[in-house]
Amino acid sequence: RALVASLRPGRVGVLVPLPEGGDPSVLLT
């Protein structure tokens, strides 16, 4: 679950809440 929106044509922005205590790179990958 994340906020997803077009920021401009060709670019989409995503705001991801990271899980507590986990390695962010696992979720981001």
mmCIF file of all heavy atoms, coordinates in Angstrom:
data_MODEL
# 
_entry.id   MODEL 
# 
loop_
_atom_site.group_PDB 
_atom_site.id 
_atom_site.type_symbol 
_atom_site.label_atom_id 
_atom_site.label_alt_id 
_atom_site.label_comp_id 
_atom_site.label_asym_id 
_atom_site.label_entity_id 
_atom_site.label_seq_id 
_atom_site.pdbx_PDB_ins_code 
_atom_site.Cartn_x 
_atom_site.Cartn_y 
_atom_site.Cartn_z 
_atom_site.occupancy 
_atom_site.B_iso_or_equiv 
_atom_site.pdbx_formal_charge 
_atom_site.auth_seq_id 
_atom_site.auth_comp_id 
_atom_site.auth_asym_id 
_atom_site.auth_atom_id 
_atom_site.pdbx_PDB_model_num 
ATOM 1   N N   . ARG A 1 1  ? 0.857  -1.187 0.000   1.00 0.00 ? 1  ARG A N   1 
ATOM 2   C CA  . ARG A 1 1  ? 0.000  0.000  0.000   1.00 0.00 ? 1  ARG A CA  1 
ATOM 3   C C   . ARG A 1 1  ? 0.888  1.231  0.000   1.00 0.00 ? 1  ARG A C   1 
ATOM 4   O O   . ARG A 1 1  ? 1.807  1.342  0.812   1.00 0.00 ? 1  ARG A O   1 
ATOM 5   C CB  . ARG A 1 1  ? -0.913 0.012  1.226   1.00 0.00 ? 1  ARG A CB  1 
ATOM 6   C CG  . ARG A 1 1  ? -1.956 -1.081 1.244   1.00 0.00 ? 1  ARG A CG  1 
ATOM 7   C CD  . ARG A 1 1  ? -2.972 -0.981 0.140   1.00 0.00 ? 1  ARG A CD  1 
ATOM 8   N NE  . ARG A 1 1  ? -3.716 0.264  0.217   1.00 0.00 ? 1  ARG A NE  1 
ATOM 9   C CZ  . ARG A 1 1  ? -4.529 0.703  -0.729  1.00 0.00 ? 1  ARG A CZ  1 
ATOM 10  N NH1 . ARG A 1 1  ? -4.702 0.025  -1.826  1.00 0.00 ? 1  ARG A NH1 1 
ATOM 11  N NH2 . ARG A 1 1  ? -5.166 1.851  -0.593  1.00 0.00 ? 1  ARG A NH2 1 
ATOM 12  N N   . ALA A 1 2  ? 0.623  2.152  -0.932  1.00 0.00 ? 2  ALA A N   1 
ATOM 13  C CA  . ALA A 1 2  ? 1.388  3.382  -1.032  1.00 0.00 ? 2  ALA A CA  1 
ATOM 14  C C   . ALA A 1 2  ? 0.544  4.417  -1.764  1.00 0.00 ? 2  ALA A C   1 
ATOM 15  O O   . ALA A 1 2  ? -0.414 4.061  -2.460  1.00 0.00 ? 2  ALA A O   1 
ATOM 16  C CB  . ALA A 1 2  ? 2.690  3.133  -1.793  1.00 0.00 ? 2  ALA A CB  1 
ATOM 17  N N   . LEU A 1 3  ? 0.889  5.688  -1.602  1.00 0.00 ? 3  LEU A N   1 
ATOM 18  C CA  . LEU A 1 3  ? 0.249  6.737  -2.383  1.00 0.00 ? 3  LEU A CA  1 
ATOM 19  C C   . LEU A 1 3  ? 0.915  6.768  -3.753  1.00 0.00 ? 3  LEU A C   1 
ATOM 20  O O   . LEU A 1 3  ? 2.146  6.762  -3.845  1.00 0.00 ? 3  LEU A O   1 
ATOM 21  C CB  . LEU A 1 3  ? 0.410  8.094  -1.709  1.00 0.00 ? 3  LEU A CB  1 
ATOM 22  C CG  . LEU A 1 3  ? -0.334 8.314  -0.405  1.00 0.00 ? 3  LEU A CG  1 
ATOM 23  C CD1 . LEU A 1 3  ? -0.009 9.692  0.162   1.00 0.00 ? 3  LEU A CD1 1 
ATOM 24  C CD2 . LEU A 1 3  ? -1.827 8.170  -0.599  1.00 0.00 ? 3  LEU A CD2 1 
ATOM 25  N N   . VAL A 1 4  ? 0.112  6.786  -4.807  1.00 0.00 ? 4  VAL A N   1 
ATOM 26  C CA  . VAL A 1 4  ? 0.623  6.765  -6.176  1.00 0.00 ? 4  VAL A CA  1 
ATOM 27  C C   . VAL A 1 4  ? -0.041 7.887  -6.948  1.00 0.00 ? 4  VAL A C   1 
ATOM 28  O O   . VAL A 1 4  ? -1.266 8.030  -6.907  1.00 0.00 ? 4  VAL A O   1 
ATOM 29  C CB  . VAL A 1 4  ? 0.290  5.421  -6.873  1.00 0.00 ? 4  VAL A CB  1 
ATOM 30  C CG1 . VAL A 1 4  ? 0.821  5.416  -8.294  1.00 0.00 ? 4  VAL A CG1 1 
ATOM 31  C CG2 . VAL A 1 4  ? 0.826  4.246  -6.087  1.00 0.00 ? 4  VAL A CG2 1 
ATOM 32  N N   . ALA A 1 5  ? 0.770  8.675  -7.671  1.00 0.00 ? 5  ALA A N   1 
ATOM 33  C CA  . ALA A 1 5  ? 0.201  9.757  -8.469  1.00 0.00 ? 5  ALA A CA  1 
ATOM 34  C C   . ALA A 1 5  ? 1.159  10.143 -9.584  1.00 0.00 ? 5  ALA A C   1 
ATOM 35  O O   . ALA A 1 5  ? 2.382  10.073 -9.420  1.00 0.00 ? 5  ALA A O   1 
ATOM 36  C CB  . ALA A 1 5  ? -0.079 10.979 -7.591  1.00 0.00 ? 5  ALA A CB  1 
ATOM 37  N N   . SER A 1 6  ? 0.595  10.557 -10.694 1.00 0.00 ? 6  SER A N   1 
ATOM 38  C CA  . SER A 1 6  ? 1.394  11.110 -11.770 1.00 0.00 ? 6  SER A CA  1 
ATOM 39  C C   . SER A 1 6  ? 1.888  12.477 -11.316 1.00 0.00 ? 6  SER A C   1 
ATOM 40  O O   . SER A 1 6  ? 1.105  13.306 -10.859 1.00 0.00 ? 6  SER A O   1 
ATOM 41  C CB  . SER A 1 6  ? 0.536  11.232 -13.031 1.00 0.00 ? 6  SER A CB  1 
ATOM 42  O OG  . SER A 1 6  ? 1.287  11.840 -14.051 1.00 0.00 ? 6  SER A OG  1 
ATOM 43  N N   . LEU A 1 7  ? 3.195  12.700 -11.401 1.00 0.00 ? 7  LEU A N   1 
ATOM 44  C CA  . LEU A 1 7  ? 3.773  13.991 -11.023 1.00 0.00 ? 7  LEU A CA  1 
ATOM 45  C C   . LEU A 1 7  ? 3.849  14.917 -12.232 1.00 0.00 ? 7  LEU A C   1 
ATOM 46  O O   . LEU A 1 7  ? 3.766  16.128 -12.103 1.00 0.00 ? 7  LEU A O   1 
ATOM 47  C CB  . LEU A 1 7  ? 5.158  13.799 -10.414 1.00 0.00 ? 7  LEU A CB  1 
ATOM 48  C CG  . LEU A 1 7  ? 5.211  12.929 -9.154  1.00 0.00 ? 7  LEU A CG  1 
ATOM 49  C CD1 . LEU A 1 7  ? 6.643  12.748 -8.680  1.00 0.00 ? 7  LEU A CD1 1 
ATOM 50  C CD2 . LEU A 1 7  ? 4.349  13.527 -8.047  1.00 0.00 ? 7  LEU A CD2 1 
ATOM 51  N N   . ARG A 1 8  ? 4.039  14.322 -13.378 1.00 0.00 ? 8  ARG A N   1 
ATOM 52  C CA  . ARG A 1 8  ? 4.030  15.017 -14.670 1.00 0.00 ? 8  ARG A CA  1 
ATOM 53  C C   . ARG A 1 8  ? 4.020  13.915 -15.725 1.00 0.00 ? 8  ARG A C   1 
ATOM 54  O O   . ARG A 1 8  ? 4.250  12.756 -15.395 1.00 0.00 ? 8  ARG A O   1 
ATOM 55  C CB  . ARG A 1 8  ? 5.229  15.946 -14.823 1.00 0.00 ? 8  ARG A CB  1 
ATOM 56  C CG  . ARG A 1 8  ? 6.587  15.266 -14.828 1.00 0.00 ? 8  ARG A CG  1 
ATOM 57  C CD  . ARG A 1 8  ? 7.662  16.254 -15.243 1.00 0.00 ? 8  ARG A CD  1 
ATOM 58  N NE  . ARG A 1 8  ? 8.997  15.791 -15.073 1.00 0.00 ? 8  ARG A NE  1 
ATOM 59  C CZ  . ARG A 1 8  ? 9.642  14.934 -15.873 1.00 0.00 ? 8  ARG A CZ  1 
ATOM 60  N NH1 . ARG A 1 8  ? 9.016  14.384 -16.897 1.00 0.00 ? 8  ARG A NH1 1 
ATOM 61  N NH2 . ARG A 1 8  ? 10.889 14.590 -15.633 1.00 0.00 ? 8  ARG A NH2 1 
ATOM 62  N N   . PRO A 1 9  ? 3.778  14.234 -16.982 1.00 0.00 ? 9  PRO A N   1 
ATOM 63  C CA  . PRO A 1 9  ? 3.805  13.169 -17.998 1.00 0.00 ? 9  PRO A CA  1 
ATOM 64  C C   . PRO A 1 9  ? 5.147  12.428 -17.983 1.00 0.00 ? 9  PRO A C   1 
ATOM 65  O O   . PRO A 1 9  ? 6.209  13.048 -17.974 1.00 0.00 ? 9  PRO A O   1 
ATOM 66  C CB  . PRO A 1 9  ? 3.594  13.932 -19.316 1.00 0.00 ? 9  PRO A CB  1 
ATOM 67  C CG  . PRO A 1 9  ? 2.825  15.144 -18.913 1.00 0.00 ? 9  PRO A CG  1 
ATOM 68  C CD  . PRO A 1 9  ? 3.370  15.520 -17.552 1.00 0.00 ? 9  PRO A CD  1 
ATOM 69  N N   . GLY A 1 10 ? 5.057  11.107 -17.914 1.00 0.00 ? 10 GLY A N   1 
ATOM 70  C CA  . GLY A 1 10 ? 6.256  10.287 -17.901 1.00 0.00 ? 10 GLY A CA  1 
ATOM 71  C C   . GLY A 1 10 ? 6.873  10.061 -16.536 1.00 0.00 ? 10 GLY A C   1 
ATOM 72  O O   . GLY A 1 10 ? 7.839  9.321  -16.419 1.00 0.00 ? 10 GLY A O   1 
ATOM 73  N N   . ARG A 1 11 ? 6.328  10.674 -15.488 1.00 0.00 ? 11 ARG A N   1 
ATOM 74  C CA  . ARG A 1 11 ? 6.892  10.518 -14.140 1.00 0.00 ? 11 ARG A CA  1 
ATOM 75  C C   . ARG A 1 11 ? 5.772  10.239 -13.143 1.00 0.00 ? 11 ARG A C   1 
ATOM 76  O O   . ARG A 1 11 ? 4.856  11.032 -12.993 1.00 0.00 ? 11 ARG A O   1 
ATOM 77  C CB  . ARG A 1 11 ? 7.644  11.762 -13.711 1.00 0.00 ? 11 ARG A CB  1 
ATOM 78  C CG  . ARG A 1 11 ? 8.214  11.647 -12.286 1.00 0.00 ? 11 ARG A CG  1 
ATOM 79  C CD  . ARG A 1 11 ? 9.001  12.857 -11.886 1.00 0.00 ? 11 ARG A CD  1 
ATOM 80  N NE  . ARG A 1 11 ? 10.283 12.847 -12.578 1.00 0.00 ? 11 ARG A NE  1 
ATOM 81  C CZ  . ARG A 1 11 ? 11.172 13.839 -12.516 1.00 0.00 ? 11 ARG A CZ  1 
ATOM 82  N NH1 . ARG A 1 11 ? 10.907 14.917 -11.806 1.00 0.00 ? 11 ARG A NH1 1 
ATOM 83  N NH2 . ARG A 1 11 ? 12.312 13.748 -13.172 1.00 0.00 ? 11 ARG A NH2 1 
ATOM 84  N N   . VAL A 1 12 ? 5.897  9.096  -12.459 1.00 0.00 ? 12 VAL A N   1 
ATOM 85  C CA  . VAL A 1 12 ? 4.933  8.722  -11.422 1.00 0.00 ? 12 VAL A CA  1 
ATOM 86  C C   . VAL A 1 12 ? 5.645  8.743  -10.076 1.00 0.00 ? 12 VAL A C   1 
ATOM 87  O O   . VAL A 1 12 ? 6.760  8.227  -9.947  1.00 0.00 ? 12 VAL A O   1 
ATOM 88  C CB  . VAL A 1 12 ? 4.335  7.320  -11.695 1.00 0.00 ? 12 VAL A CB  1 
ATOM 89  C CG1 . VAL A 1 12 ? 3.407  6.887  -10.564 1.00 0.00 ? 12 VAL A CG1 1 
ATOM 90  C CG2 . VAL A 1 12 ? 3.600  7.304  -13.032 1.00 0.00 ? 12 VAL A CG2 1 
ATOM 91  N N   . GLY A 1 13 ? 5.007  9.360  -9.093  1.00 0.00 ? 13 GLY A N   1 
ATOM 92  C CA  . GLY A 1 13 ? 5.549  9.411  -7.746  1.00 0.00 ? 13 GLY A CA  1 
ATOM 93  C C   . GLY A 1 13 ? 4.832  8.424  -6.842  1.00 0.00 ? 13 GLY A C   1 
ATOM 94  O O   . GLY A 1 13 ? 3.629  8.207  -6.980  1.00 0.00 ? 13 GLY A O   1 
ATOM 95  N N   . VAL A 1 14 ? 5.589  7.827  -5.944  1.00 0.00 ? 14 VAL A N   1 
ATOM 96  C CA  . VAL A 1 14 ? 5.042  6.852  -5.000  1.00 0.00 ? 14 VAL A CA  1 
ATOM 97  C C   . VAL A 1 14 ? 5.589  7.194  -3.618  1.00 0.00 ? 14 VAL A C   1 
ATOM 98  O O   . VAL A 1 14 ? 6.799  7.378  -3.468  1.00 0.00 ? 14 VAL A O   1 
ATOM 99  C CB  . VAL A 1 14 ? 5.459  5.409  -5.382  1.00 0.00 ? 14 VAL A CB  1 
ATOM 100 C CG1 . VAL A 1 14 ? 4.808  4.400  -4.437  1.00 0.00 ? 14 VAL A CG1 1 
ATOM 101 C CG2 . VAL A 1 14 ? 5.132  5.092  -6.834  1.00 0.00 ? 14 VAL A CG2 1 
ATOM 102 N N   . LEU A 1 15 ? 4.718  7.306  -2.635  1.00 0.00 ? 15 LEU A N   1 
ATOM 103 C CA  . LEU A 1 15 ? 5.150  7.503  -1.253  1.00 0.00 ? 15 LEU A CA  1 
ATOM 104 C C   . LEU A 1 15 ? 4.874  6.204  -0.508  1.00 0.00 ? 15 LEU A C   1 
ATOM 105 O O   . LEU A 1 15 ? 3.720  5.809  -0.333  1.00 0.00 ? 15 LEU A O   1 
ATOM 106 C CB  . LEU A 1 15 ? 4.421  8.675  -0.594  1.00 0.00 ? 15 LEU A CB  1 
ATOM 107 C CG  . LEU A 1 15 ? 4.897  9.017  0.820   1.00 0.00 ? 15 LEU A CG  1 
ATOM 108 C CD1 . LEU A 1 15 ? 6.380  9.434  0.815   1.00 0.00 ? 15 LEU A CD1 1 
ATOM 109 C CD2 . LEU A 1 15 ? 4.035  10.106 1.427   1.00 0.00 ? 15 LEU A CD2 1 
ATOM 110 N N   . VAL A 1 16 ? 5.967  5.538  -0.114  1.00 0.00 ? 16 VAL A N   1 
ATOM 111 C CA  . VAL A 1 16 ? 5.872  4.208  0.492   1.00 0.00 ? 16 VAL A CA  1 
ATOM 112 C C   . VAL A 1 16 ? 6.120  4.290  1.993   1.00 0.00 ? 16 VAL A C   1 
ATOM 113 O O   . VAL A 1 16 ? 7.186  4.728  2.416   1.00 0.00 ? 16 VAL A O   1 
ATOM 114 C CB  . VAL A 1 16 ? 6.917  3.251  -0.138  1.00 0.00 ? 16 VAL A CB  1 
ATOM 115 C CG1 . VAL A 1 16 ? 6.817  1.863  0.478   1.00 0.00 ? 16 VAL A CG1 1 
ATOM 116 C CG2 . VAL A 1 16 ? 6.771  3.183  -1.646  1.00 0.00 ? 16 VAL A CG2 1 
ATOM 117 N N   . PRO A 1 17 ? 5.142  3.862  2.815   1.00 0.00 ? 17 PRO A N   1 
ATOM 118 C CA  . PRO A 1 17 ? 5.408  3.718  4.246   1.00 0.00 ? 17 PRO A CA  1 
ATOM 119 C C   . PRO A 1 17 ? 6.232  2.437  4.462   1.00 0.00 ? 17 PRO A C   1 
ATOM 120 O O   . PRO A 1 17 ? 5.863  1.367  3.974   1.00 0.00 ? 17 PRO A O   1 
ATOM 121 C CB  . PRO A 1 17 ? 4.028  3.572  4.878   1.00 0.00 ? 17 PRO A CB  1 
ATOM 122 C CG  . PRO A 1 17 ? 3.034  3.775  3.779   1.00 0.00 ? 17 PRO A CG  1 
ATOM 123 C CD  . PRO A 1 17 ? 3.751  3.613  2.485   1.00 0.00 ? 17 PRO A CD  1 
ATOM 124 N N   . LEU A 1 18 ? 7.351  2.563  5.136   1.00 0.00 ? 18 LEU A N   1 
ATOM 125 C CA  . LEU A 1 18 ? 8.223  1.406  5.338   1.00 0.00 ? 18 LEU A CA  1 
ATOM 126 C C   . LEU A 1 18 ? 7.782  0.607  6.554   1.00 0.00 ? 18 LEU A C   1 
ATOM 127 O O   . LEU A 1 18 ? 7.291  1.175  7.529   1.00 0.00 ? 18 LEU A O   1 
ATOM 128 C CB  . LEU A 1 18 ? 9.667  1.875  5.521   1.00 0.00 ? 18 LEU A CB  1 
ATOM 129 C CG  . LEU A 1 18 ? 10.278 2.582  4.307   1.00 0.00 ? 18 LEU A CG  1 
ATOM 130 C CD1 . LEU A 1 18 ? 11.649 3.153  4.666   1.00 0.00 ? 18 LEU A CD1 1 
ATOM 131 C CD2 . LEU A 1 18 ? 10.377 1.636  3.128   1.00 0.00 ? 18 LEU A CD2 1 
ATOM 132 N N   . PRO A 1 19 ? 7.964  -0.716 6.504   1.00 0.00 ? 19 PRO A N   1 
ATOM 133 C CA  . PRO A 1 19 ? 7.608  -1.537 7.671   1.00 0.00 ? 19 PRO A CA  1 
ATOM 134 C C   . PRO A 1 19 ? 8.558  -1.249 8.829   1.00 0.00 ? 19 PRO A C   1 
ATOM 135 O O   . PRO A 1 19 ? 9.738  -0.969 8.623   1.00 0.00 ? 19 PRO A O   1 
ATOM 136 C CB  . PRO A 1 19 ? 7.770  -2.977 7.165   1.00 0.00 ? 19 PRO A CB  1 
ATOM 137 C CG  . PRO A 1 19 ? 8.666  -2.882 5.971   1.00 0.00 ? 19 PRO A CG  1 
ATOM 138 C CD  . PRO A 1 19 ? 8.502  -1.508 5.401   1.00 0.00 ? 19 PRO A CD  1 
ATOM 139 N N   . GLU A 1 20 ? 8.017  -1.293 10.022  1.00 0.00 ? 20 GLU A N   1 
ATOM 140 C CA  . GLU A 1 20 ? 8.825  -1.046 11.225  1.00 0.00 ? 20 GLU A CA  1 
ATOM 141 C C   . GLU A 1 20 ? 9.880  -2.137 11.386  1.00 0.00 ? 20 GLU A C   1 
ATOM 142 O O   . GLU A 1 20 ? 9.579  -3.325 11.305  1.00 0.00 ? 20 GLU A O   1 
ATOM 143 C CB  . GLU A 1 20 ? 7.932  -1.016 12.479  1.00 0.00 ? 20 GLU A CB  1 
ATOM 144 C CG  . GLU A 1 20 ? 7.061  0.214  12.574  1.00 0.00 ? 20 GLU A CG  1 
ATOM 145 C CD  . GLU A 1 20 ? 7.840  1.504  12.773  1.00 0.00 ? 20 GLU A CD  1 
ATOM 146 O OE1 . GLU A 1 20 ? 8.901  1.476  13.435  1.00 0.00 ? 20 GLU A OE1 1 
ATOM 147 O OE2 . GLU A 1 20 ? 7.388  2.530  12.256  1.00 0.00 ? 20 GLU A OE2 1 
ATOM 148 N N   . GLY A 1 21 ? 11.112 -1.706 11.601  1.00 0.00 ? 21 GLY A N   1 
ATOM 149 C CA  . GLY A 1 21 ? 12.177 -2.645 11.933  1.00 0.00 ? 21 GLY A CA  1 
ATOM 150 C C   . GLY A 1 21 ? 12.683 -3.511 10.795  1.00 0.00 ? 21 GLY A C   1 
ATOM 151 O O   . GLY A 1 21 ? 13.605 -4.289 10.985  1.00 0.00 ? 21 GLY A O   1 
ATOM 152 N N   . GLY A 1 22 ? 12.106 -3.396 9.614   1.00 0.00 ? 22 GLY A N   1 
ATOM 153 C CA  . GLY A 1 22 ? 12.558 -4.225 8.502   1.00 0.00 ? 22 GLY A CA  1 
ATOM 154 C C   . GLY A 1 22 ? 13.621 -3.525 7.677   1.00 0.00 ? 22 GLY A C   1 
ATOM 155 O O   . GLY A 1 22 ? 13.891 -2.336 7.850   1.00 0.00 ? 22 GLY A O   1 
ATOM 156 N N   . ASP A 1 23 ? 14.224 -4.260 6.777   1.00 0.00 ? 23 ASP A N   1 
ATOM 157 C CA  . ASP A 1 23 ? 15.213 -3.702 5.871   1.00 0.00 ? 23 ASP A CA  1 
ATOM 158 C C   . ASP A 1 23 ? 14.469 -3.057 4.704   1.00 0.00 ? 23 ASP A C   1 
ATOM 159 O O   . ASP A 1 23 ? 13.791 -3.748 3.938   1.00 0.00 ? 23 ASP A O   1 
ATOM 160 C CB  . ASP A 1 23 ? 16.131 -4.822 5.372   1.00 0.00 ? 23 ASP A CB  1 
ATOM 161 C CG  . ASP A 1 23 ? 17.194 -4.335 4.412   1.00 0.00 ? 23 ASP A CG  1 
ATOM 162 O OD1 . ASP A 1 23 ? 17.241 -3.125 4.112   1.00 0.00 ? 23 ASP A OD1 1 
ATOM 163 O OD2 . ASP A 1 23 ? 17.984 -5.181 3.957   1.00 0.00 ? 23 ASP A OD2 1 
ATOM 164 N N   . PRO A 1 24 ? 14.548 -1.733 4.552   1.00 0.00 ? 24 PRO A N   1 
ATOM 165 C CA  . PRO A 1 24 ? 13.806 -1.064 3.478   1.00 0.00 ? 24 PRO A CA  1 
ATOM 166 C C   . PRO A 1 24 ? 14.166 -1.573 2.089   1.00 0.00 ? 24 PRO A C   1 
ATOM 167 O O   . PRO A 1 24 ? 13.319 -1.607 1.205   1.00 0.00 ? 24 PRO A O   1 
ATOM 168 C CB  . PRO A 1 24 ? 14.195 0.409  3.617   1.00 0.00 ? 24 PRO A CB  1 
ATOM 169 C CG  . PRO A 1 24 ? 14.884 0.556  4.900   1.00 0.00 ? 24 PRO A CG  1 
ATOM 170 C CD  . PRO A 1 24 ? 15.328 -0.794 5.349   1.00 0.00 ? 24 PRO A CD  1 
ATOM 171 N N   . SER A 1 25 ? 15.419 -2.007 1.898   1.00 0.00 ? 25 SER A N   1 
ATOM 172 C CA  . SER A 1 25 ? 15.831 -2.447 0.561   1.00 0.00 ? 25 SER A CA  1 
ATOM 173 C C   . SER A 1 25 ? 15.067 -3.679 0.099   1.00 0.00 ? 25 SER A C   1 
ATOM 174 O O   . SER A 1 25 ? 14.859 -3.863 -1.095  1.00 0.00 ? 25 SER A O   1 
ATOM 175 C CB  . SER A 1 25 ? 17.339 -2.680 0.503   1.00 0.00 ? 25 SER A CB  1 
ATOM 176 O OG  . SER A 1 25 ? 17.700 -3.774 1.315   1.00 0.00 ? 25 SER A OG  1 
ATOM 177 N N   . VAL A 1 26 ? 14.625 -4.514 1.030   1.00 0.00 ? 26 VAL A N   1 
ATOM 178 C CA  . VAL A 1 26 ? 13.854 -5.708 0.659   1.00 0.00 ? 26 VAL A CA  1 
ATOM 179 C C   . VAL A 1 26 ? 12.521 -5.282 0.042   1.00 0.00 ? 26 VAL A C   1 
ATOM 180 O O   . VAL A 1 26 ? 12.150 -5.743 -1.048  1.00 0.00 ? 26 VAL A O   1 
ATOM 181 C CB  . VAL A 1 26 ? 13.637 -6.637 1.880   1.00 0.00 ? 26 VAL A CB  1 
ATOM 182 C CG1 . VAL A 1 26 ? 12.693 -7.773 1.548   1.00 0.00 ? 26 VAL A CG1 1 
ATOM 183 C CG2 . VAL A 1 26 ? 14.971 -7.170 2.391   1.00 0.00 ? 26 VAL A CG2 1 
ATOM 184 N N   . LEU A 1 27 ? 11.808 -4.381 0.728   1.00 0.00 ? 27 LEU A N   1 
ATOM 185 C CA  . LEU A 1 27 ? 10.522 -3.902 0.209   1.00 0.00 ? 27 LEU A CA  1 
ATOM 186 C C   . LEU A 1 27 ? 10.718 -3.115 -1.082  1.00 0.00 ? 27 LEU A C   1 
ATOM 187 O O   . LEU A 1 27 ? 9.976  -3.299 -2.056  1.00 0.00 ? 27 LEU A O   1 
ATOM 188 C CB  . LEU A 1 27 ? 9.807  -3.035 1.248   1.00 0.00 ? 27 LEU A CB  1 
ATOM 189 C CG  . LEU A 1 27 ? 8.507  -2.376 0.769   1.00 0.00 ? 27 LEU A CG  1 
ATOM 190 C CD1 . LEU A 1 27 ? 7.451  -3.426 0.423   1.00 0.00 ? 27 LEU A CD1 1 
ATOM 191 C CD2 . LEU A 1 27 ? 7.983  -1.409 1.807   1.00 0.00 ? 27 LEU A CD2 1 
ATOM 192 N N   . LEU A 1 28 ? 11.713 -2.243 -1.131  1.00 0.00 ? 28 LEU A N   1 
ATOM 193 C CA  . LEU A 1 28 ? 11.933 -1.417 -2.313  1.00 0.00 ? 28 LEU A CA  1 
ATOM 194 C C   . LEU A 1 28 ? 12.315 -2.264 -3.529  1.00 0.00 ? 28 LEU A C   1 
ATOM 195 O O   . LEU A 1 28 ? 11.888 -1.984 -4.652  1.00 0.00 ? 28 LEU A O   1 
ATOM 196 C CB  . LEU A 1 28 ? 12.987 -0.356 -2.020  1.00 0.00 ? 28 LEU A CB  1 
ATOM 197 C CG  . LEU A 1 28 ? 12.553 0.693  -0.999  1.00 0.00 ? 28 LEU A CG  1 
ATOM 198 C CD1 . LEU A 1 28 ? 13.728 1.551  -0.558  1.00 0.00 ? 28 LEU A CD1 1 
ATOM 199 C CD2 . LEU A 1 28 ? 11.419 1.543  -1.534  1.00 0.00 ? 28 LEU A CD2 1 
ATOM 200 N N   . THR A 1 29 ? 13.101 -3.311 -3.313  1.00 0.00 ? 29 THR A N   1 
ATOM 201 C CA  . THR A 1 29 ? 13.458 -4.211 -4.418  1.00 0.00 ? 29 THR A CA  1 
ATOM 202 C C   . THR A 1 29 ? 12.216 -4.940 -4.917  1.00 0.00 ? 29 THR A C   1 
ATOM 203 O O   . THR A 1 29 ? 11.998 -5.045 -6.132  1.00 0.00 ? 29 THR A O   1 
ATOM 204 C CB  . THR A 1 29 ? 14.535 -5.223 -3.970  1.00 0.00 ? 29 THR A CB  1 
ATOM 205 O OG1 . THR A 1 29 ? 15.709 -4.497 -3.599  1.00 0.00 ? 29 THR A OG1 1 
ATOM 206 C CG2 . THR A 1 29 ? 14.870 -6.209 -5.075  1.00 0.00 ? 29 THR A CG2 1 
# 
